[in-house]
Protein backbone atom coordinates (compact mmCIF):
# COMPACT_ATOMS: atom_id res chain seq x y z
CA UNK A 1 -18.74 -24.54 -1.85
CA UNK A 2 -16.07 -27.00 -0.70
CA UNK A 3 -16.94 -29.07 3.05
CA UNK A 4 -13.44 -27.44 4.27
CA UNK A 5 -15.05 -23.66 3.61
CA UNK A 6 -18.12 -24.89 4.81
CA UNK A 7 -16.61 -26.15 8.19
CA UNK A 8 -15.05 -23.15 8.82
CA UNK A 9 -18.08 -20.82 8.48
CA UNK A 10 -20.20 -23.33 10.68
CA UNK A 11 -17.34 -23.03 13.25
CA UNK A 12 -17.63 -19.07 13.69
CA UNK A 13 -21.53 -19.40 14.23
CA UNK A 14 -22.77 -18.49 17.29
CA UNK A 15 -24.88 -21.30 19.07
CA UNK A 16 -25.32 -19.97 22.54
CA UNK A 17 -28.29 -18.66 23.50
CA UNK A 18 -26.94 -15.59 25.68
CA UNK A 19 -27.19 -12.15 23.81
CA UNK A 20 -26.56 -8.53 24.47
CA UNK A 21 -29.14 -5.40 24.20
CA UNK A 22 -28.56 -2.02 22.65
CA UNK A 23 -28.86 0.67 25.03
CA UNK A 24 -28.20 3.81 22.76
CA UNK A 25 -26.93 4.78 19.46
CA UNK A 26 -25.15 7.33 18.32
CA UNK A 27 -23.74 8.96 14.59
CA UNK A 28 -20.81 6.14 15.04
CA UNK A 29 -21.30 4.49 18.04
CA UNK A 30 -23.26 1.93 19.37
CA UNK A 31 -24.02 1.27 22.92
CA UNK A 32 -25.09 -2.09 24.55
CA UNK A 33 -25.23 -4.27 27.78
CA UNK A 34 -25.48 -7.88 28.96
CA UNK A 35 -21.83 -9.34 26.99
CA UNK A 36 -18.76 -10.16 28.80
CA UNK A 37 -16.49 -8.76 25.77
CA UNK A 38 -13.13 -7.56 24.63
CA UNK A 39 -11.49 -4.93 22.74
CA UNK A 40 -11.74 -5.54 18.96
CA UNK A 41 -14.26 -9.14 19.33
CA UNK A 42 -16.64 -9.62 16.88
CA UNK A 43 -20.26 -9.15 17.05
CA UNK A 44 -23.51 -9.50 15.39
CA UNK A 45 -26.26 -7.00 15.94
CA UNK A 46 -29.98 -8.36 14.64
CA UNK A 47 -31.88 -5.13 13.83
CA UNK A 48 -34.90 -7.01 12.43
CA UNK A 49 -34.43 -9.31 9.80
CA UNK A 50 -31.00 -7.86 8.96
CA UNK A 51 -27.92 -9.23 10.60
CA UNK A 52 -25.06 -6.63 10.59
CA UNK A 53 -21.22 -7.00 11.66
CA UNK A 54 -19.38 -5.01 14.42
CA UNK A 55 -16.50 -4.44 16.83
CA UNK A 56 -16.47 -3.84 20.15
CA UNK A 57 -13.92 -0.79 20.59
CA UNK A 58 -13.90 0.38 23.93
CA UNK A 59 -15.30 -1.79 27.43
CA UNK A 60 -16.81 -0.22 30.59
CA UNK A 61 -17.91 -2.21 33.99
CA UNK A 62 -21.48 -2.14 32.67
CA UNK A 63 -21.43 -1.88 29.10
CA UNK A 64 -19.31 -1.82 25.76
CA UNK A 65 -19.34 0.25 22.73
CA UNK A 66 -19.99 -0.96 19.17
CA UNK A 67 -18.55 0.29 15.66
CA UNK A 68 -20.42 -0.82 12.59
CA UNK A 69 -19.52 -1.98 9.41
CA UNK A 70 -22.00 -1.00 7.67
CA UNK A 71 -24.31 2.14 8.48
CA UNK A 72 -26.78 2.10 11.64
CA UNK A 73 -29.85 3.44 9.59
CA UNK A 74 -32.82 1.16 11.09
CA UNK A 75 -31.06 0.06 13.96
CA UNK A 76 -32.83 0.88 17.43
CA UNK A 77 -32.37 0.27 20.78
CA UNK A 78 -33.42 -3.04 22.43
CA UNK A 79 -31.85 -4.59 19.03
CA UNK A 80 -29.68 -7.75 20.37
CA UNK A 81 -25.92 -8.25 19.86
CA UNK A 82 -24.67 -11.47 19.43
CA UNK A 83 -20.99 -12.54 20.26
CA UNK A 84 -18.98 -14.17 17.13
CA UNK A 85 -16.92 -17.31 18.37
CA UNK A 86 -14.11 -16.34 16.05
CA UNK A 87 -11.70 -13.03 15.86
CA UNK A 88 -12.44 -10.99 11.79
CA UNK A 89 -10.89 -13.05 9.38
CA UNK A 90 -11.01 -13.28 5.68
CA UNK A 91 -11.03 -16.31 3.52
CA UNK A 92 -8.06 -16.03 0.89
CA UNK A 93 -6.54 -17.77 -1.81
CA UNK A 94 -5.94 -17.92 -5.66
CA UNK A 95 -8.97 -17.20 -6.86
CA UNK A 96 -8.47 -13.95 -5.63
CA UNK A 97 -5.85 -12.93 -8.25
CA UNK A 98 -7.35 -10.87 -11.10
CA UNK A 99 -10.52 -9.54 -8.58
CA UNK A 100 -11.61 -6.74 -7.27
CA UNK A 101 -13.49 -7.34 -3.59
CA UNK A 102 -14.58 -5.71 -0.54
CA UNK A 103 -12.77 -5.95 2.86
CA UNK A 104 -14.43 -8.96 3.64
CA UNK A 105 -13.37 -10.26 -0.13
CA UNK A 106 -16.32 -10.46 -1.16
CA UNK A 107 -16.72 -9.86 -5.11
CA UNK A 108 -17.80 -6.27 -6.41
CA UNK A 109 -16.92 -6.46 -9.84
CA UNK A 110 -19.45 -8.65 -11.13
CA UNK A 111 -17.89 -11.59 -12.33
CA UNK A 112 -19.58 -13.78 -9.86
CA UNK A 113 -18.66 -15.35 -6.35
CA UNK A 114 -15.29 -16.36 -5.54
CA UNK A 115 -14.20 -19.80 -4.15
CA UNK A 116 -11.75 -19.76 -1.18
CA UNK A 117 -10.76 -22.09 1.39
CA UNK A 118 -8.21 -20.92 3.40
CA UNK A 119 -8.63 -18.31 5.71
CA UNK A 120 -6.52 -15.15 7.20
CA UNK A 121 -6.75 -12.96 10.31
CA UNK A 122 -7.57 -9.69 9.36
CA UNK A 123 -5.36 -7.88 12.76
CA UNK A 124 -2.39 -9.89 13.78
CA UNK A 125 1.05 -8.80 14.70
CA UNK A 126 3.96 -7.83 12.67
CA UNK A 127 6.58 -10.84 11.97
CA UNK A 128 9.62 -10.93 14.87
CA UNK A 129 12.08 -8.63 14.53
CA UNK A 130 14.55 -11.07 14.16
CA UNK A 131 13.26 -12.91 11.38
CA UNK A 132 13.29 -10.01 9.98
CA UNK A 133 15.52 -10.43 6.38
CA UNK A 134 17.84 -8.33 5.34
CA UNK A 135 16.86 -5.90 2.17
CA UNK A 136 20.17 -6.25 0.22
CA UNK A 137 17.61 -6.88 -3.22
CA UNK A 138 16.96 -4.43 -5.32
CA UNK A 139 13.43 -4.14 -6.62
CA UNK A 140 12.52 -3.05 -10.12
CA UNK A 141 9.07 -0.44 -10.68
CA UNK A 142 10.05 0.28 -14.33
CA UNK A 143 10.06 3.88 -13.80
CA UNK A 144 14.08 4.92 -14.18
CA UNK A 145 13.49 8.15 -11.79
CA UNK A 146 12.75 5.69 -9.08
CA UNK A 147 14.80 2.32 -10.25
CA UNK A 148 17.85 5.06 -10.75
CA UNK A 149 17.72 7.39 -8.87
CA UNK A 150 15.70 6.22 -5.62
CA UNK A 151 16.37 2.16 -6.28
CA UNK A 152 13.97 0.56 -3.77
CA UNK A 153 14.56 -2.96 -2.34
CA UNK A 154 12.65 -6.07 -1.79
CA UNK A 155 10.77 -5.58 1.66
CA UNK A 156 10.61 -2.27 1.50
CA UNK A 157 8.28 -0.17 2.81
CA UNK A 158 8.33 3.17 0.94
CA UNK A 159 6.14 6.35 0.91
CA UNK A 160 4.26 8.15 -1.91
CA UNK A 161 3.88 12.08 -0.76
CA UNK A 162 1.50 14.19 -3.12
CA UNK A 163 -1.11 16.91 -2.93
CA UNK A 164 -3.89 16.32 -4.93
CA UNK A 165 -3.95 16.33 -8.70
CA UNK A 166 -0.30 15.87 -8.92
CA UNK A 167 -0.19 12.97 -10.35
CA UNK A 168 -0.14 10.34 -7.46
CA UNK A 169 -2.73 7.60 -9.27
CA UNK A 170 -0.59 7.82 -12.35
CA UNK A 171 2.51 7.07 -11.03
CA UNK A 172 0.82 4.16 -8.85
CA UNK A 173 -0.55 2.50 -12.25
CA UNK A 174 3.44 2.87 -13.69
CA UNK A 175 4.35 1.15 -10.74
CA UNK A 176 1.98 -1.71 -10.64
CA UNK A 177 2.30 -2.27 -14.07
CA UNK A 178 5.99 -1.99 -14.55
CA UNK A 179 7.16 -4.27 -11.66
CA UNK A 180 8.66 -7.08 -11.24
CA UNK A 181 6.89 -8.51 -8.35
CA UNK A 182 4.36 -12.36 -9.51
CA UNK A 183 1.59 -10.71 -7.33
CA UNK A 184 0.45 -7.44 -6.74
CA UNK A 185 -2.51 -6.56 -4.18
CA UNK A 186 -3.70 -2.71 -4.46
CA UNK A 187 -6.02 -1.14 -1.56
CA UNK A 188 -8.29 1.79 -1.99
CA UNK A 189 -9.11 2.91 0.47
CA UNK A 190 -11.27 6.25 1.41
CA UNK A 191 -11.11 7.37 -2.00
CA UNK A 192 -14.03 8.28 -4.92
CA UNK A 193 -15.74 5.50 -5.94
CA UNK A 194 -15.56 7.09 -9.43
CA UNK A 195 -11.59 6.96 -9.21
CA UNK A 196 -11.95 2.68 -8.83
CA UNK A 197 -13.08 1.83 -12.65
CA UNK A 198 -11.17 4.53 -14.11
CA UNK A 199 -7.87 3.34 -12.16
CA UNK A 200 -8.48 -0.39 -13.39
CA UNK A 201 -8.58 0.89 -16.66
CA UNK A 202 -6.96 3.76 -17.69
CA UNK A 203 -3.89 3.61 -15.42
CA UNK A 204 -3.77 -0.31 -14.98
CA UNK A 205 -5.08 -0.56 -18.93
CA UNK A 206 -7.59 -3.37 -16.92
CA UNK A 207 -5.09 -6.01 -16.81
CA UNK A 208 -5.85 -7.56 -13.37
CA UNK A 209 -4.12 -10.90 -14.33
CA UNK A 210 -1.94 -10.70 -11.05
CA UNK A 211 -3.65 -7.92 -9.11
CA UNK A 212 -5.89 -8.44 -6.19
CA UNK A 213 -7.18 -4.80 -5.45
CA UNK A 214 -9.29 -4.28 -2.24
CA UNK A 215 -11.83 -1.64 -2.07
CA UNK A 216 -13.62 0.88 0.73
CA UNK A 217 -14.68 3.85 -0.91
CA UNK A 218 -15.46 7.17 1.28
CA UNK A 219 -18.81 6.20 1.33
CA UNK A 220 -17.57 3.39 3.15
CA UNK A 221 -18.17 3.39 7.05
CA UNK A 222 -15.29 4.46 9.42
CA UNK A 223 -14.65 0.79 10.11
CA UNK A 224 -14.85 -0.88 6.55
CA UNK A 225 -12.23 2.07 5.50
CA UNK A 226 -9.82 1.21 8.64
CA UNK A 227 -9.69 -2.61 8.40
CA UNK A 228 -10.04 -2.64 4.51
CA UNK A 229 -6.57 -1.35 4.67
CA UNK A 230 -5.77 -4.45 7.38
CA UNK A 231 -7.22 -7.04 4.94
CA UNK A 232 -5.41 -6.08 1.93
CA UNK A 233 -2.23 -6.68 4.30
CA UNK A 234 -3.46 -9.98 5.18
CA UNK A 235 -4.24 -10.95 1.91
CA UNK A 236 -0.48 -9.64 0.72
CA UNK A 237 0.94 -11.90 3.92
CA UNK A 238 -0.77 -15.24 2.79
CA UNK A 239 1.28 -14.93 -0.81
CA UNK A 240 4.28 -14.14 1.24
CA UNK A 241 3.93 -17.20 3.32
CA UNK A 242 3.74 -18.94 -0.22
CA UNK A 243 7.66 -17.91 -0.98
CA UNK A 244 6.54 -15.04 -3.58
CA UNK A 245 7.26 -11.49 -3.66
CA UNK A 246 4.32 -9.05 -3.31
CA UNK A 247 4.03 -5.46 -4.37
CA UNK A 248 1.60 -4.08 -1.96
CA UNK A 249 0.07 -0.88 -2.94
CA UNK A 250 -2.36 1.63 -1.12
CA UNK A 251 -3.89 4.52 -1.99
CA UNK A 252 -4.31 6.17 0.36
CA UNK A 253 -2.67 6.53 4.31
CA UNK A 254 -4.38 10.12 4.75
CA UNK A 255 -7.82 8.35 4.46
CA UNK A 256 -7.14 5.36 6.48
CA UNK A 257 -5.79 8.00 9.44
CA UNK A 258 -9.04 9.96 8.96
CA UNK A 259 -11.38 6.47 8.97
CA UNK A 260 -9.67 6.39 12.50
CA UNK A 261 -10.21 9.57 13.60
CA UNK A 262 -13.83 9.37 13.21
CA UNK A 263 -13.84 6.30 15.55
CA UNK A 264 -11.50 8.12 17.98
CA UNK A 265 -13.61 10.93 18.46
CA UNK A 266 -16.96 8.91 18.50
CA UNK A 267 -15.32 7.23 21.44
CA UNK A 268 -13.96 10.49 23.31
CA UNK A 269 -10.67 10.64 22.69
CA UNK A 270 -9.13 13.78 22.68
CA UNK A 271 -7.98 15.61 19.82
CA UNK A 272 -4.77 16.90 18.63
CA UNK A 273 -2.97 18.39 15.86
CA UNK A 274 -5.51 18.75 13.21
CA UNK A 275 -8.34 17.24 14.91
CA UNK A 276 -6.17 13.29 14.63
CA UNK A 277 -6.73 11.51 18.07
CA UNK A 278 -3.69 9.35 19.57
CA UNK A 279 -4.27 6.60 18.16
CA UNK A 280 -4.74 7.88 14.90
CA UNK A 281 -1.21 8.20 15.11
CA UNK A 282 -0.61 4.59 16.47
CA UNK A 283 -2.36 2.72 14.13
CA UNK A 284 0.05 3.59 11.54
CA UNK A 285 2.54 1.38 12.66
CA UNK A 286 0.54 -1.35 12.98
CA UNK A 287 -0.24 -1.69 9.62
CA UNK A 288 3.23 -0.28 7.85
CA UNK A 289 5.50 -2.60 9.82
CA UNK A 290 3.56 -5.35 7.93
CA UNK A 291 5.38 -5.43 5.40
CA UNK A 292 8.69 -6.52 4.76
CA UNK A 293 11.10 -9.27 3.86
CA UNK A 294 10.81 -12.63 5.83
CA UNK A 295 13.47 -15.41 6.04
CA UNK A 296 12.65 -18.59 4.70
CA UNK A 297 9.62 -16.76 3.24
CA UNK A 298 8.50 -14.08 0.59
CA UNK A 299 8.42 -10.65 0.62
CA UNK A 300 6.01 -7.54 0.93
CA UNK A 301 7.33 -4.72 -0.82
CA UNK A 302 4.92 -1.44 0.33
CA UNK A 303 4.33 1.70 -1.37
CA UNK A 304 2.12 3.78 0.67
CA UNK A 305 1.00 7.17 -0.93
CA UNK A 306 -0.06 10.00 1.50
CA UNK A 307 -2.20 12.90 0.44
CA UNK A 308 -0.51 15.99 1.86
CA UNK A 309 -2.96 18.51 2.02
CA UNK A 310 -1.74 22.14 0.80
CA UNK A 311 1.65 20.38 -0.40
CA UNK A 312 2.64 20.72 3.93
CA UNK A 313 4.99 17.69 4.15
CA UNK A 314 4.78 18.73 8.01
CA UNK A 315 1.15 17.55 8.13
CA UNK A 316 0.99 15.04 11.25
CA UNK A 317 0.42 12.14 9.35
CA UNK A 318 2.78 12.63 6.62
CA UNK A 319 5.40 13.58 9.29
CA UNK A 320 4.43 10.25 11.45
CA UNK A 321 4.48 8.58 8.17
CA UNK A 322 7.92 9.48 6.96
CA UNK A 323 9.46 8.40 10.17
CA UNK A 324 7.71 4.96 10.01
CA UNK A 325 8.96 4.31 6.41
CA UNK A 326 11.99 3.29 4.97
CA UNK A 327 12.00 6.11 2.14
CA UNK A 328 10.01 8.47 0.87
CA UNK A 329 8.94 9.43 -3.02
CA UNK A 330 7.48 13.60 -3.07
CA UNK A 331 5.73 14.23 -6.16
CA UNK A 332 6.39 17.94 -6.80
CA UNK A 333 3.63 20.41 -8.29
CA UNK A 334 5.95 22.53 -9.77
CA UNK A 335 7.75 19.76 -11.63
CA UNK A 336 4.00 18.90 -13.18
CA UNK A 337 3.76 22.48 -14.12
CA UNK A 338 6.60 22.40 -16.30
CA UNK A 339 5.11 18.88 -17.73
CA UNK A 340 7.37 16.83 -16.24
CA UNK A 341 6.13 13.36 -15.86
CA UNK A 342 5.97 11.90 -13.31
CA UNK A 343 6.76 14.35 -11.31
CA UNK A 344 9.44 13.10 -8.55
CA UNK A 345 11.33 15.65 -6.74
CA UNK A 346 14.73 14.16 -6.22
CA UNK A 347 16.17 16.39 -3.94
CA UNK A 348 13.21 16.11 -1.36
CA UNK A 349 12.76 12.47 -1.75
CA UNK A 350 15.33 9.49 -0.48
CA UNK A 351 15.67 5.61 -0.17
CA UNK A 352 17.57 4.49 2.55
CA UNK A 353 18.53 1.45 1.30
CA UNK A 354 19.77 2.45 -1.78
CA UNK A 355 23.41 2.02 -0.80
CA UNK A 356 22.76 -1.65 0.36
CA UNK A 357 20.79 -2.56 -2.94
CA UNK A 358 23.02 -0.57 -5.66
CA UNK A 359 26.29 -1.50 -6.92
CA UNK A 360 29.47 0.95 -6.27
CA UNK A 361 29.52 2.42 -9.63
CA UNK A 362 25.35 3.44 -9.90
CA UNK A 363 25.13 4.85 -5.91
CA UNK A 364 28.73 7.18 -7.56
CA UNK A 365 26.25 7.94 -10.59
CA UNK A 366 23.11 8.72 -8.11
CA UNK A 367 25.36 10.73 -6.09
CA UNK A 368 26.70 13.04 -9.09
CA UNK A 369 23.30 13.10 -10.62
CA UNK A 370 21.99 14.66 -7.63
CA UNK A 371 24.89 17.10 -6.86
CA UNK A 372 24.25 18.14 -10.18
CA UNK A 373 20.58 19.01 -9.52
CA UNK A 374 21.05 20.97 -6.63
CA UNK A 375 23.22 23.05 -8.14
CA UNK A 376 20.67 23.69 -11.01
CA UNK A 377 18.26 24.43 -8.19
CA UNK A 378 20.81 26.89 -6.29
CA UNK A 379 21.48 28.95 -9.68
CA UNK A 380 18.45 29.00 -11.56
CA UNK A 381 17.72 32.54 -10.42
CA UNK A 382 21.50 33.57 -11.18
CA UNK A 383 21.30 31.79 -15.07
CA UNK A 384 17.70 32.91 -15.84
CA UNK A 385 18.90 36.77 -15.52
CA UNK A 386 22.06 36.60 -17.05
CA UNK A 387 23.84 36.90 -14.08
CA UNK A 388 26.19 34.07 -14.69
CA UNK A 389 29.63 34.04 -16.64
CA UNK A 390 30.14 30.51 -18.46
CA UNK A 391 33.55 29.27 -17.25
CA UNK A 392 33.00 30.90 -13.83
CA UNK A 393 32.29 27.30 -11.99
CA UNK A 394 32.94 24.17 -14.25
CA UNK A 395 30.67 22.10 -12.00
CA UNK A 396 27.59 24.14 -12.66
CA UNK A 397 28.63 24.55 -16.32
CA UNK A 398 28.99 20.66 -16.38
CA UNK A 399 25.47 20.38 -14.90
CA UNK A 400 24.13 23.11 -17.39
CA UNK A 401 25.60 21.30 -20.25
CA UNK A 402 23.62 18.21 -19.18
CA UNK A 403 20.47 20.23 -18.59
CA UNK A 404 18.61 18.73 -21.13
CA UNK A 405 19.51 14.94 -20.39
CA UNK A 406 18.57 15.43 -16.89
CA UNK A 407 14.85 16.16 -17.98
CA UNK A 408 14.86 13.64 -20.62
CA UNK A 409 15.96 11.12 -17.87
CA UNK A 410 13.42 12.29 -15.45
CA UNK A 411 10.63 11.98 -17.38
CA UNK A 412 8.72 9.21 -18.71
CA UNK A 413 4.89 8.20 -20.38
CA UNK A 414 2.44 6.67 -18.22
CA UNK A 415 2.53 3.70 -20.72
CA UNK A 416 6.39 2.83 -20.93
CA UNK A 417 8.27 0.47 -18.54
CA UNK A 418 11.62 0.80 -18.33
CA UNK A 419 13.84 -2.36 -17.25
CA UNK A 420 16.14 -1.44 -14.44
CA UNK A 421 19.41 -2.22 -16.29
CA UNK A 422 18.45 0.27 -19.10
CA UNK A 423 17.35 2.31 -16.36
CA UNK A 424 21.08 2.65 -14.57
CA UNK A 425 22.89 2.42 -18.14
CA UNK A 426 20.75 5.90 -19.20
CA UNK A 427 21.64 7.15 -15.89
CA UNK A 428 25.15 6.70 -16.26
CA UNK A 429 25.10 7.60 -19.45
CA UNK A 430 24.06 11.04 -18.78
CA UNK A 431 26.32 11.66 -15.61
CA UNK A 432 29.24 11.12 -18.25
CA UNK A 433 30.24 7.51 -16.96
CA UNK A 434 31.12 4.78 -18.63
CA UNK A 435 28.63 2.04 -18.43
CA UNK A 436 31.06 -0.72 -19.36
CA UNK A 437 33.23 0.19 -16.37
CA UNK A 438 32.72 -1.49 -13.37
CA UNK A 439 34.13 -0.09 -10.22
CA UNK A 440 36.42 -2.16 -7.86
């Protein structure tokens, strides 16, 4: 192991004989006494021959509460608690590319140890507001419906809202494979363990050359699931600091919020809508605002998936996420039933930066496509029952004539990646705009 890395690890070792003592253990929280601690400090619990990591989450005048990163089985009252000298940090470096790791960067892909020399704090404040760069460049993801109609920008934060079984994982794989970012960081938080190898093999085709995958599955502790998301964001920030454009993909925000719900309720926070304590909602901007474009450095373009229970977009997590993000992509179960993949509901989706990252003729084509799509949806029943007479509404006649071409534009194979310029050209062709003509 390199000397620099050994020195870093030695600095974090506690040499003081002072220790605290566990006095009670609950399902998700441990109460201890005997140490002066502050919120967020890292501690080591000595339980028999085992050393377990935890974090201080609540402090009283004579005791403090610890949330463990692992499970509590085997712990007992009287076990010792040592205060770690340094805050929670993870090792980072180029060797992470192509690897699958846990939130502490321990490899879980069976490919041997990872030698990393630099360290990055897991928890940190977002970049200064006045240091944020303007989002003025498009970010291609290789998906026609998104590049053409919901164009993203470098440094944008986008939400993908979908119910279960609608095609969220497939779209994630398409974006990771087809995007133009040289570095990709994927955080799989709180999902089923079976989905991790499936996502790598099926959705990514087994190609992880420029990708880091951080995994905290549903069977991990709530604290591991919570900090797994922050840990993955710290990895993305490391590459951004080197001047690279990074794609950050997280699945899912809902499981992340559920982890904080477990922690908050165990600490006695009052439950609000759907049982979420206030800390679940305040935690979202702490994570999401760390993405973005920073002057003089690179950018983090983030896609956060949100599992919408019962396809209800008024779910508290979905509602809070939409208010923080710079755009949202809604996946429709109705389009899935019609066989349109990826099932992006264009009329329910929006990109708040599309006007800043597209040319005027591109934006005009987007607006016309959306108008025609809205007309088709509004008059769908009349057309189906034969109550509409051709020639009554010229705009609807044009939309009906282009319906098949519009459906073809919205559909795309999961194995296909379409360049940004080709997506724009196809869009202009569908709406009848001359692709070679430039707007003044």
